[in-house]
């Protein structure tokens, strides 16, 4: 027992020193560099037929390197080398989903890296057509980073085809199509999807989105007709209504108000999102206060 105590005291002291003064320890570390791997064809030969194993080893090496470099040493990782390694790992095993998860987490918030990241994810989509995460990642990258909502909607539609939560992606795709100035396509897509929906609650949510888009589309056509006949764009939507081109201002089922922005596009103050007021009044006692 005394031997264990004697051994535990210096070990505990060493752990405390490393935790209390990590910069002193880091200053004496050797530089950590990520290795450069040979071409994928050479890696294939070197794997001796164990392509999946070689791919997994490259992935774990990349993950351990990033953890030590970024989290422990608090140094900037060699992102380009990491990407090349993950690209080669997925050449060896295109179904290695861990590589795609890791790549999305590393590179999706680095704008110059997003186009090459998307090409990597496309490779994953070809190898894993049953997986909805990959088109979802692509849709998110096109929407948030590349600002291309129409392309984002196309990938969300692919995610809807294989995801268990098809209705969520259908609604999201329709919204992105609208934001990509493709309101008619969004309406057609939702109409087709609603026909295949059996869940009454989900059907109600999708119908609300559909009715909102139909109102927007009617206003868009009124704005276009006003501009064609008057030779100028309308000042606001009220002017379109007063011209008689549409009978009345449609209601936003989300509780918002339709308006024209500076570019002449029709938007709504609700942003096509749910609010507490959209829910059944019988549930008011369950709402946060």
C-alpha atoms as a PDB file:
ATOM      1  CA  UNK A   1       0.000   0.000   0.000  1.00  0.00           C
ATOM      2  CA  UNK A   2       2.862   2.360   0.889  1.00  0.00           C
ATOM      3  CA  UNK A   3       4.473   1.642  -2.490  1.00  0.00           C
ATOM      4  CA  UNK A   4       1.253   2.580  -4.281  1.00  0.00           C
ATOM      5  CA  UNK A   5       1.009   5.830  -2.334  1.00  0.00           C
ATOM      6  CA  UNK A   6       4.642   6.660  -3.047  1.00  0.00           C
ATOM      7  CA  UNK A   7       4.080   6.000  -6.739  1.00  0.00           C
ATOM      8  CA  UNK A   8       0.795   7.885  -6.884  1.00  0.00           C
ATOM      9  CA  UNK A   9       2.136  11.101  -5.362  1.00  0.00           C
ATOM     10  CA  UNK A  10       4.710  11.904  -8.105  1.00  0.00           C
ATOM     11  CA  UNK A  11       2.288  10.837 -10.844  1.00  0.00           C
ATOM     12  CA  UNK A  12      -0.396  13.100  -9.403  1.00  0.00           C
ATOM     13  CA  UNK A  13       2.095  15.959  -9.139  1.00  0.00           C
ATOM     14  CA  UNK A  14       3.151  15.460 -12.771  1.00  0.00           C
ATOM     15  CA  UNK A  15      -0.483  15.492 -13.976  1.00  0.00           C
ATOM     16  CA  UNK A  16      -1.158  18.664 -11.979  1.00  0.00           C
ATOM     17  CA  UNK A  17       1.910  20.404 -13.426  1.00  0.00           C
ATOM     18  CA  UNK A  18       0.908  19.510 -16.993  1.00  0.00           C
ATOM     19  CA  UNK A  19      -2.633  20.755 -16.399  1.00  0.00           C
ATOM     20  CA  UNK A  20      -1.586  23.919 -14.589  1.00  0.00           C
ATOM     21  CA  UNK A  21       1.221  24.918 -16.938  1.00  0.00           C
ATOM     22  CA  UNK A  22       0.401  23.480 -20.397  1.00  0.00           C
ATOM     23  CA  UNK A  23       2.227  26.265 -22.312  1.00  0.00           C
ATOM     24  CA  UNK A  24       5.511  25.264 -20.646  1.00  0.00           C
ATOM     25  CA  UNK A  25       5.021  21.713 -21.885  1.00  0.00           C
ATOM     26  CA  UNK A  26       3.904  22.767 -25.363  1.00  0.00           C
ATOM     27  CA  UNK A  27       6.936  24.992 -25.847  1.00  0.00           C
ATOM     28  CA  UNK A  28       9.182  21.935 -25.684  1.00  0.00           C
ATOM     29  CA  UNK A  29       7.203  19.789 -28.142  1.00  0.00           C
ATOM     30  CA  UNK A  30       8.619  18.857 -31.516  1.00  0.00           C
ATOM     31  CA  UNK A  31       6.782  20.473 -34.483  1.00  0.00           C
ATOM     32  CA  UNK A  32       3.811  18.342 -35.507  1.00  0.00           C
ATOM     33  CA  UNK A  33       3.409  17.942 -39.265  1.00  0.00           C
ATOM     34  CA  UNK A  34       0.788  15.960 -41.072  1.00  0.00           C
ATOM     35  CA  UNK A  35       2.256  13.368 -43.481  1.00  0.00           C
ATOM     36  CA  UNK A  36       1.980  13.561 -47.254  1.00  0.00           C
ATOM     37  CA  UNK A  37       0.516  10.342 -48.629  1.00  0.00           C
ATOM     38  CA  UNK A  38       1.448   8.826 -52.007  1.00  0.00           C
ATOM     39  CA  UNK A  39      -1.120   8.786 -54.825  1.00  0.00           C
ATOM     40  CA  UNK A  40      -4.260   6.730 -54.304  1.00  0.00           C
ATOM     41  CA  UNK A  41      -3.125   4.128 -56.848  1.00  0.00           C
ATOM     42  CA  UNK A  42       0.093   3.560 -54.887  1.00  0.00           C
ATOM     43  CA  UNK A  43      -1.883   3.376 -51.638  1.00  0.00           C
ATOM     44  CA  UNK A  44      -4.144   0.794 -53.253  1.00  0.00           C
ATOM     45  CA  UNK A  45      -1.145  -1.394 -54.122  1.00  0.00           C
ATOM     46  CA  UNK A  46       0.421  -0.900 -50.690  1.00  0.00           C
ATOM     47  CA  UNK A  47      -2.818  -1.915 -48.969  1.00  0.00           C
ATOM     48  CA  UNK A  48      -2.494  -5.445 -50.404  1.00  0.00           C
ATOM     49  CA  UNK A  49      -6.215  -5.573 -51.034  1.00  0.00           C
ATOM     50  CA  UNK A  50      -7.186  -4.071 -47.664  1.00  0.00           C
ATOM     51  CA  UNK A  51      -8.549  -0.838 -49.111  1.00  0.00           C
ATOM     52  CA  UNK A  52     -11.133  -0.293 -46.357  1.00  0.00           C
ATOM     53  CA  UNK A  53      -8.502  -0.793 -43.646  1.00  0.00           C
ATOM     54  CA  UNK A  54      -6.065   1.606 -45.316  1.00  0.00           C
ATOM     55  CA  UNK A  55      -8.827   4.187 -45.681  1.00  0.00           C
ATOM     56  CA  UNK A  56      -9.744   3.838 -42.005  1.00  0.00           C
ATOM     57  CA  UNK A  57      -6.110   4.213 -40.897  1.00  0.00           C
ATOM     58  CA  UNK A  58      -5.735   7.436 -42.900  1.00  0.00           C
ATOM     59  CA  UNK A  59      -8.952   8.763 -41.361  1.00  0.00           C
ATOM     60  CA  UNK A  60      -7.833   8.008 -37.792  1.00  0.00           C
ATOM     61  CA  UNK A  61      -4.412   9.503 -38.444  1.00  0.00           C
ATOM     62  CA  UNK A  62      -6.088  12.706 -39.687  1.00  0.00           C
ATOM     63  CA  UNK A  63      -8.423  12.798 -36.696  1.00  0.00           C
ATOM     64  CA  UNK A  64      -5.670  12.247 -34.116  1.00  0.00           C
ATOM     65  CA  UNK A  65      -3.459  14.839 -35.808  1.00  0.00           C
ATOM     66  CA  UNK A  66      -6.232  17.442 -35.783  1.00  0.00           C
ATOM     67  CA  UNK A  67      -7.071  16.730 -32.151  1.00  0.00           C
ATOM     68  CA  UNK A  68      -3.506  17.198 -30.984  1.00  0.00           C
ATOM     69  CA  UNK A  69      -2.664  20.090 -33.302  1.00  0.00           C
ATOM     70  CA  UNK A  70      -5.823  22.147 -32.802  1.00  0.00           C
ATOM     71  CA  UNK A  71      -7.216  21.171 -29.411  1.00  0.00           C
ATOM     72  CA  UNK A  72      -4.066  20.389 -27.429  1.00  0.00           C
ATOM     73  CA  UNK A  73      -1.320  22.486 -29.001  1.00  0.00           C
ATOM     74  CA  UNK A  74      -3.752  25.215 -30.110  1.00  0.00           C
ATOM     75  CA  UNK A  75      -1.931  25.573 -33.415  1.00  0.00           C
ATOM     76  CA  UNK A  76      -3.343  26.038 -36.907  1.00  0.00           C
ATOM     77  CA  UNK A  77      -3.722  22.652 -38.641  1.00  0.00           C
ATOM     78  CA  UNK A  78      -2.471  21.994 -42.158  1.00  0.00           C
ATOM     79  CA  UNK A  79      -5.955  22.029 -43.682  1.00  0.00           C
ATOM     80  CA  UNK A  80      -4.905  21.411 -47.293  1.00  0.00           C
ATOM     81  CA  UNK A  81      -2.917  18.312 -46.353  1.00  0.00           C
ATOM     82  CA  UNK A  82      -5.842  17.085 -44.280  1.00  0.00           C
ATOM     83  CA  UNK A  83      -8.211  17.492 -47.199  1.00  0.00           C
ATOM     84  CA  UNK A  84      -5.882  15.687 -49.627  1.00  0.00           C
ATOM     85  CA  UNK A  85      -5.580  12.814 -47.150  1.00  0.00           C
ATOM     86  CA  UNK A  86      -9.365  12.503 -46.766  1.00  0.00           C
ATOM     87  CA  UNK A  87      -9.744  12.663 -50.529  1.00  0.00           C
ATOM     88  CA  UNK A  88      -7.292   9.781 -50.942  1.00  0.00           C
ATOM     89  CA  UNK A  89      -8.946   7.836 -48.125  1.00  0.00           C
ATOM     90  CA  UNK A  90     -12.285   8.075 -49.918  1.00  0.00           C
ATOM     91  CA  UNK A  91     -10.636   7.067 -53.187  1.00  0.00           C
ATOM     92  CA  UNK A  92      -9.615   3.860 -51.412  1.00  0.00           C
ATOM     93  CA  UNK A  93     -13.031   3.400 -49.813  1.00  0.00           C
ATOM     94  CA  UNK A  94     -15.707   5.743 -51.212  1.00  0.00           C
ATOM     95  CA  UNK A  95     -18.197   4.453 -48.613  1.00  0.00           C
ATOM     96  CA  UNK A  96     -16.087   5.595 -45.652  1.00  0.00           C
ATOM     97  CA  UNK A  97     -18.734   7.860 -44.104  1.00  0.00           C
ATOM     98  CA  UNK A  98     -16.445   8.932 -41.261  1.00  0.00           C
ATOM     99  CA  UNK A  99     -14.299  10.815 -43.772  1.00  0.00           C
ATOM    100  CA  UNK A 100     -17.277  12.776 -45.103  1.00  0.00           C
ATOM    101  CA  UNK A 101     -18.505  13.677 -41.603  1.00  0.00           C
ATOM    102  CA  UNK A 102     -15.003  14.822 -40.633  1.00  0.00           C
ATOM    103  CA  UNK A 103     -14.513  16.808 -43.845  1.00  0.00           C
ATOM    104  CA  UNK A 104     -17.875  18.579 -43.451  1.00  0.00           C
ATOM    105  CA  UNK A 105     -16.995  19.544 -39.897  1.00  0.00           C
ATOM    106  CA  UNK A 106     -13.523  20.789 -40.836  1.00  0.00           C
ATOM    107  CA  UNK A 107     -14.060  22.656 -44.096  1.00  0.00           C
ATOM    108  CA  UNK A 108     -17.694  23.792 -44.333  1.00  0.00           C
ATOM    109  CA  UNK A 109     -16.946  27.111 -42.586  1.00  0.00           C
ATOM    110  CA  UNK A 110     -13.853  27.868 -44.718  1.00  0.00           C
ATOM    111  CA  UNK A 111     -15.313  29.613 -47.821  1.00  0.00           C
ATOM    112  CA  UNK A 112     -12.411  28.868 -50.246  1.00  0.00           C
ATOM    113  CA  UNK A 113     -12.579  25.174 -49.300  1.00  0.00           C
ATOM    114  CA  UNK A 114     -16.325  24.711 -49.843  1.00  0.00           C
ATOM    115  CA  UNK A 115     -16.209  24.037 -53.634  1.00  0.00           C
ATOM    116  CA  UNK A 116     -13.637  21.232 -53.229  1.00  0.00           C
ATOM    117  CA  UNK A 117     -15.492  19.947 -50.164  1.00  0.00           C
ATOM    118  CA  UNK A 118     -18.647  19.712 -52.272  1.00  0.00           C
ATOM    119  CA  UNK A 119     -16.799  17.641 -54.875  1.00  0.00           C
ATOM    120  CA  UNK A 120     -15.726  15.269 -52.100  1.00  0.00           C
ATOM    121  CA  UNK A 121     -19.319  14.996 -50.869  1.00  0.00           C
ATOM    122  CA  UNK A 122     -20.486  14.326 -54.436  1.00  0.00           C
ATOM    123  CA  UNK A 123     -18.137  11.357 -54.464  1.00  0.00           C
ATOM    124  CA  UNK A 124     -19.801  10.143 -51.297  1.00  0.00           C
ATOM    125  CA  UNK A 125     -23.272  10.576 -52.812  1.00  0.00           C
ATOM    126  CA  UNK A 126     -22.319   8.364 -55.752  1.00  0.00           C
ATOM    127  CA  UNK A 127     -21.002   5.667 -53.409  1.00  0.00           C
ATOM    128  CA  UNK A 128     -23.755   5.977 -50.784  1.00  0.00           C
ATOM    129  CA  UNK A 129     -27.006   6.789 -52.632  1.00  0.00           C
ATOM    130  CA  UNK A 130     -29.031   5.537 -49.659  1.00  0.00           C
ATOM    131  CA  UNK A 131     -27.556   8.112 -47.239  1.00  0.00           C
ATOM    132  CA  UNK A 132     -29.468  11.412 -46.788  1.00  0.00           C
ATOM    133  CA  UNK A 133     -26.714  13.138 -44.824  1.00  0.00           C
ATOM    134  CA  UNK A 134     -24.539  13.723 -47.888  1.00  0.00           C
ATOM    135  CA  UNK A 135     -27.135  15.635 -49.981  1.00  0.00           C
ATOM    136  CA  UNK A 136     -28.113  17.454 -46.789  1.00  0.00           C
ATOM    137  CA  UNK A 137     -24.497  18.586 -46.267  1.00  0.00           C
ATOM    138  CA  UNK A 138     -24.307  19.693 -49.901  1.00  0.00           C
ATOM    139  CA  UNK A 139     -27.583  21.585 -49.644  1.00  0.00           C
ATOM    140  CA  UNK A 140     -26.409  23.361 -46.497  1.00  0.00           C
ATOM    141  CA  UNK A 141     -23.104  24.312 -48.132  1.00  0.00           C
ATOM    142  CA  UNK A 142     -24.784  25.723 -51.237  1.00  0.00           C
ATOM    143  CA  UNK A 143     -27.345  27.615 -49.162  1.00  0.00           C
ATOM    144  CA  UNK A 144     -25.263  29.077 -46.344  1.00  0.00           C
ATOM    145  CA  UNK A 145     -21.793  29.374 -47.853  1.00  0.00           C
ATOM    146  CA  UNK A 146     -22.220  29.684 -51.634  1.00  0.00           C
ATOM    147  CA  UNK A 147     -25.555  31.564 -51.454  1.00  0.00           C
ATOM    148  CA  UNK A 148     -27.158  29.434 -54.188  1.00  0.00           C
ATOM    149  CA  UNK A 149     -30.617  28.508 -52.825  1.00  0.00           C
ATOM    150  CA  UNK A 150     -31.820  26.894 -56.055  1.00  0.00           C
ATOM    151  CA  UNK A 151     -28.918  24.400 -56.056  1.00  0.00           C
ATOM    152  CA  UNK A 152     -29.401  23.902 -52.334  1.00  0.00           C
ATOM    153  CA  UNK A 153     -33.054  23.031 -52.970  1.00  0.00           C
ATOM    154  CA  UNK A 154     -32.061  20.400 -55.543  1.00  0.00           C
ATOM    155  CA  UNK A 155     -29.900  18.618 -52.972  1.00  0.00           C
ATOM    156  CA  UNK A 156     -32.556  18.902 -50.278  1.00  0.00           C
ATOM    157  CA  UNK A 157     -34.969  17.236 -52.707  1.00  0.00           C
ATOM    158  CA  UNK A 158     -32.503  14.365 -53.071  1.00  0.00           C
ATOM    159  CA  UNK A 159     -32.258  14.145 -49.280  1.00  0.00           C
ATOM    160  CA  UNK A 160     -36.067  14.007 -49.106  1.00  0.00           C
ATOM    161  CA  UNK A 161     -36.079  10.973 -51.402  1.00  0.00           C
ATOM    162  CA  UNK A 162     -34.093   8.828 -48.936  1.00  0.00           C
ATOM    163  CA  UNK A 163     -34.616  10.468 -45.529  1.00  0.00           C
ATOM    164  CA  UNK A 164     -37.069   9.041 -42.963  1.00  0.00           C
ATOM    165  CA  UNK A 165     -38.213  12.641 -42.383  1.00  0.00           C
ATOM    166  CA  UNK A 166     -39.242  13.303 -45.974  1.00  0.00           C
ATOM    167  CA  UNK A 167     -41.756  16.013 -45.088  1.00  0.00           C
ATOM    168  CA  UNK A 168     -39.139  18.183 -43.396  1.00  0.00           C
ATOM    169  CA  UNK A 169     -36.905  18.172 -46.454  1.00  0.00           C
ATOM    170  CA  UNK A 170     -39.856  18.731 -48.769  1.00  0.00           C
ATOM    171  CA  UNK A 171     -40.821  21.897 -46.904  1.00  0.00           C
ATOM    172  CA  UNK A 172     -37.205  23.039 -46.746  1.00  0.00           C
ATOM    173  CA  UNK A 173     -36.708  22.408 -50.468  1.00  0.00           C
ATOM    174  CA  UNK A 174     -39.798  24.435 -51.351  1.00  0.00           C
ATOM    175  CA  UNK A 175     -38.566  27.355 -49.280  1.00  0.00           C
ATOM    176  CA  UNK A 176     -35.157  27.271 -50.948  1.00  0.00           C
ATOM    177  CA  UNK A 177     -36.703  27.112 -54.411  1.00  0.00           C
ATOM    178  CA  UNK A 178     -38.724  30.214 -53.574  1.00  0.00           C
ATOM    179  CA  UNK A 179     -35.619  32.009 -52.320  1.00  0.00           C
ATOM    180  CA  UNK A 180     -33.898  30.978 -55.528  1.00  0.00           C
ATOM    181  CA  UNK A 181     -36.640  32.835 -57.450  1.00  0.00           C
ATOM    182  CA  UNK A 182     -38.313  29.584 -58.527  1.00  0.00           C
ATOM    183  CA  UNK A 183     -41.687  29.959 -56.796  1.00  0.00           C
ATOM    184  CA  UNK A 184     -43.601  28.045 -59.480  1.00  0.00           C
ATOM    185  CA  UNK A 185     -41.212  25.089 -59.154  1.00  0.00           C
ATOM    186  CA  UNK A 186     -41.602  25.195 -55.367  1.00  0.00           C
ATOM    187  CA  UNK A 187     -45.414  25.063 -55.707  1.00  0.00           C
ATOM    188  CA  UNK A 188     -45.305  22.169 -58.177  1.00  0.00           C
ATOM    189  CA  UNK A 189     -42.910  20.231 -55.964  1.00  0.00           C
ATOM    190  CA  UNK A 190     -45.056  20.702 -52.853  1.00  0.00           C
ATOM    191  CA  UNK A 191     -48.268  19.806 -54.682  1.00  0.00           C
ATOM    192  CA  UNK A 192     -46.743  16.543 -55.889  1.00  0.00           C
ATOM    193  CA  UNK A 193     -45.360  15.759 -52.433  1.00  0.00           C
ATOM    194  CA  UNK A 194     -48.644  16.491 -50.621  1.00  0.00           C
ATOM    195  CA  UNK A 195     -50.418  13.928 -52.832  1.00  0.00           C
ATOM    196  CA  UNK A 196     -48.114  11.246 -51.411  1.00  0.00           C
ATOM    197  CA  UNK A 197     -48.480  12.368 -47.778  1.00  0.00           C
ATOM    198  CA  UNK A 198     -50.823  10.357 -45.546  1.00  0.00           C
ATOM    199  CA  UNK A 199     -50.071  11.928 -42.163  1.00  0.00           C
ATOM    200  CA  UNK A 200     -52.804  14.567 -41.488  1.00  0.00           C
ATOM    201  CA  UNK A 201     -50.605  16.755 -39.263  1.00  0.00           C
ATOM    202  CA  UNK A 202     -47.750  16.770 -41.754  1.00  0.00           C
ATOM    203  CA  UNK A 203     -50.183  17.386 -44.589  1.00  0.00           C
ATOM    204  CA  UNK A 204     -51.538  20.443 -42.758  1.00  0.00           C
ATOM    205  CA  UNK A 205     -48.045  21.906 -42.324  1.00  0.00           C
ATOM    206  CA  UNK A 206     -47.187  21.371 -45.984  1.00  0.00           C
ATOM    207  CA  UNK A 207     -50.504  22.876 -47.096  1.00  0.00           C
ATOM    208  CA  UNK A 208     -49.749  25.991 -45.057  1.00  0.00           C
ATOM    209  CA  UNK A 209     -46.420  26.341 -46.864  1.00  0.00           C
ATOM    210  CA  UNK A 210     -48.167  25.715 -50.207  1.00  0.00           C
ATOM    211  CA  UNK A 211     -50.854  28.366 -49.607  1.00  0.00           C
ATOM    212  CA  UNK A 212     -48.195  30.911 -48.635  1.00  0.00           C
ATOM    213  CA  UNK A 213     -46.235  30.227 -51.818  1.00  0.00           C
ATOM    214  CA  UNK A 214     -49.385  30.405 -53.930  1.00  0.00           C
ATOM    215  CA  UNK A 215     -50.082  33.857 -52.475  1.00  0.00           C
ATOM    216  CA  UNK A 216     -46.528  34.954 -53.238  1.00  0.00           C
ATOM    217  CA  UNK A 217     -46.755  33.589 -56.780  1.00  0.00           C
ATOM    218  CA  UNK A 218     -49.998  35.488 -57.405  1.00  0.00           C
ATOM    219  CA  UNK A 219     -48.354  38.696 -56.212  1.00  0.00           C
ATOM    220  CA  UNK A 220     -45.245  38.031 -58.318  1.00  0.00           C
ATOM    221  CA  UNK A 221     -47.391  37.706 -61.430  1.00  0.00           C
ATOM    222  CA  UNK A 222     -49.254  40.893 -60.506  1.00  0.00           C
ATOM    223  CA  UNK A 223     -45.974  42.773 -60.085  1.00  0.00           C
ATOM    224  CA  UNK A 224     -44.685  41.484 -63.436  1.00  0.00           C
ATOM    225  CA  UNK A 225     -47.917  42.457 -65.217  1.00  0.00           C
ATOM    226  CA  UNK A 226     -47.921  45.896 -63.582  1.00  0.00           C
ATOM    227  CA  UNK A 227     -44.334  46.510 -64.723  1.00  0.00           C
ATOM    228  CA  UNK A 228     -45.177  45.387 -68.271  1.00  0.00           C
ATOM    229  CA  UNK A 229     -48.294  47.555 -68.608  1.00  0.00           C
ATOM    230  CA  UNK A 230     -47.114  50.658 -66.726  1.00  0.00           C
ATOM    231  CA  UNK A 231     -43.528  50.639 -67.896  1.00  0.00           C
ATOM    232  CA  UNK A 232     -42.210  50.857 -64.340  1.00  0.00           C
ATOM    233  CA  UNK A 233     -42.198  48.660 -61.233  1.00  0.00           C
ATOM    234  CA  UNK A 234     -44.869  49.278 -58.581  1.00  0.00           C
ATOM    235  CA  UNK A 235     -43.961  51.309 -55.515  1.00  0.00           C
ATOM    236  CA  UNK A 236     -45.523  48.697 -53.263  1.00  0.00           C
ATOM    237  CA  UNK A 237     -48.008  45.817 -53.339  1.00  0.00           C
ATOM    238  CA  UNK A 238     -50.940  48.083 -52.473  1.00  0.00           C
ATOM    239  CA  UNK A 239     -50.424  49.813 -55.815  1.00  0.00           C
ATOM    240  CA  UNK A 240     -50.731  46.448 -57.569  1.00  0.00           C
ATOM    241  CA  UNK A 241     -54.009  45.737 -55.766  1.00  0.00           C
ATOM    242  CA  UNK A 242     -55.423  49.218 -56.545  1.00  0.00           C
ATOM    243  CA  UNK A 243     -54.578  48.769 -60.221  1.00  0.00           C
ATOM    244  CA  UNK A 244     -57.066  45.875 -60.370  1.00  0.00           C
ATOM    245  CA  UNK A 245     -54.464  43.353 -61.542  1.00  0.00           C
ATOM    246  CA  UNK A 246     -55.236  41.215 -58.485  1.00  0.00           C
ATOM    247  CA  UNK A 247     -58.516  41.150 -56.608  1.00  0.00           C
ATOM    248  CA  UNK A 248     -57.143  41.508 -53.068  1.00  0.00           C
ATOM    249  CA  UNK A 249     -54.021  41.087 -50.992  1.00  0.00           C
ATOM    250  CA  UNK A 250     -53.680  37.387 -50.124  1.00  0.00           C
ATOM    251  CA  UNK A 251     -53.328  36.395 -46.486  1.00  0.00           C
ATOM    252  CA  UNK A 252     -50.073  34.907 -45.242  1.00  0.00           C
ATOM    253  CA  UNK A 253     -51.051  31.684 -43.401  1.00  0.00           C
ATOM    254  CA  UNK A 254     -48.024  32.208 -41.152  1.00  0.00           C
ATOM    255  CA  UNK A 255     -49.451  35.506 -39.925  1.00  0.00           C
ATOM    256  CA  UNK A 256     -47.051  37.825 -41.721  1.00  0.00           C
ATOM    257  CA  UNK A 257     -47.518  40.659 -44.209  1.00  0.00           C
ATOM    258  CA  UNK A 258     -46.405  40.473 -47.843  1.00  0.00           C
ATOM    259  CA  UNK A 259     -44.213  43.304 -49.103  1.00  0.00           C
ATOM    260  CA  UNK A 260     -41.869  44.316 -51.941  1.00  0.00           C
ATOM    261  CA  UNK A 261     -38.202  44.612 -51.092  1.00  0.00           C
ATOM    262  CA  UNK A 262     -35.783  47.064 -52.742  1.00  0.00           C
ATOM    263  CA  UNK A 263     -35.045  44.629 -55.571  1.00  0.00           C
ATOM    264  CA  UNK A 264     -38.753  44.241 -56.407  1.00  0.00           C
ATOM    265  CA  UNK A 265     -39.118  40.712 -55.017  1.00  0.00           C
ATOM    266  CA  UNK A 266     -42.119  39.638 -52.957  1.00  0.00           C
ATOM    267  CA  UNK A 267     -41.341  38.646 -49.380  1.00  0.00           C
ATOM    268  CA  UNK A 268     -43.282  38.248 -46.148  1.00  0.00           C
ATOM    269  CA  UNK A 269     -42.512  39.474 -42.663  1.00  0.00           C
ATOM    270  CA  UNK A 270     -43.172  35.959 -41.338  1.00  0.00           C
ATOM    271  CA  UNK A 271     -40.256  34.579 -43.397  1.00  0.00           C
ATOM    272  CA  UNK A 272     -42.484  31.499 -43.898  1.00  0.00           C
ATOM    273  CA  UNK A 273     -41.762  30.269 -40.386  1.00  0.00           C
ATOM    274  CA  UNK A 274     -44.021  29.062 -37.593  1.00  0.00           C
ATOM    275  CA  UNK A 275     -44.809  31.217 -34.563  1.00  0.00           C
ATOM    276  CA  UNK A 276     -46.594  30.417 -31.314  1.00  0.00           C
ATOM    277  CA  UNK A 277     -49.690  32.117 -32.696  1.00  0.00           C
ATOM    278  CA  UNK A 278     -49.915  29.498 -35.464  1.00  0.00           C
ATOM    279  CA  UNK A 279     -50.546  26.733 -32.935  1.00  0.00           C
ATOM    280  CA  UNK A 280     -53.843  25.544 -31.534  1.00  0.00           C
ATOM    281  CA  UNK A 281     -55.152  27.832 -28.820  1.00  0.00           C
ATOM    282  CA  UNK A 282     -55.882  24.765 -26.733  1.00  0.00           C
ATOM    283  CA  UNK A 283     -52.135  24.374 -26.243  1.00  0.00           C
ATOM    284  CA  UNK A 284     -51.573  27.877 -24.876  1.00  0.00           C
ATOM    285  CA  UNK A 285     -51.197  26.607 -21.325  1.00  0.00           C
ATOM    286  CA  UNK A 286     -48.184  24.592 -22.503  1.00  0.00           C
ATOM    287  CA  UNK A 287     -46.355  27.555 -24.028  1.00  0.00           C
ATOM    288  CA  UNK A 288     -43.327  28.980 -22.234  1.00  0.00           C
ATOM    289  CA  UNK A 289     -43.953  32.139 -20.270  1.00  0.00           C
END
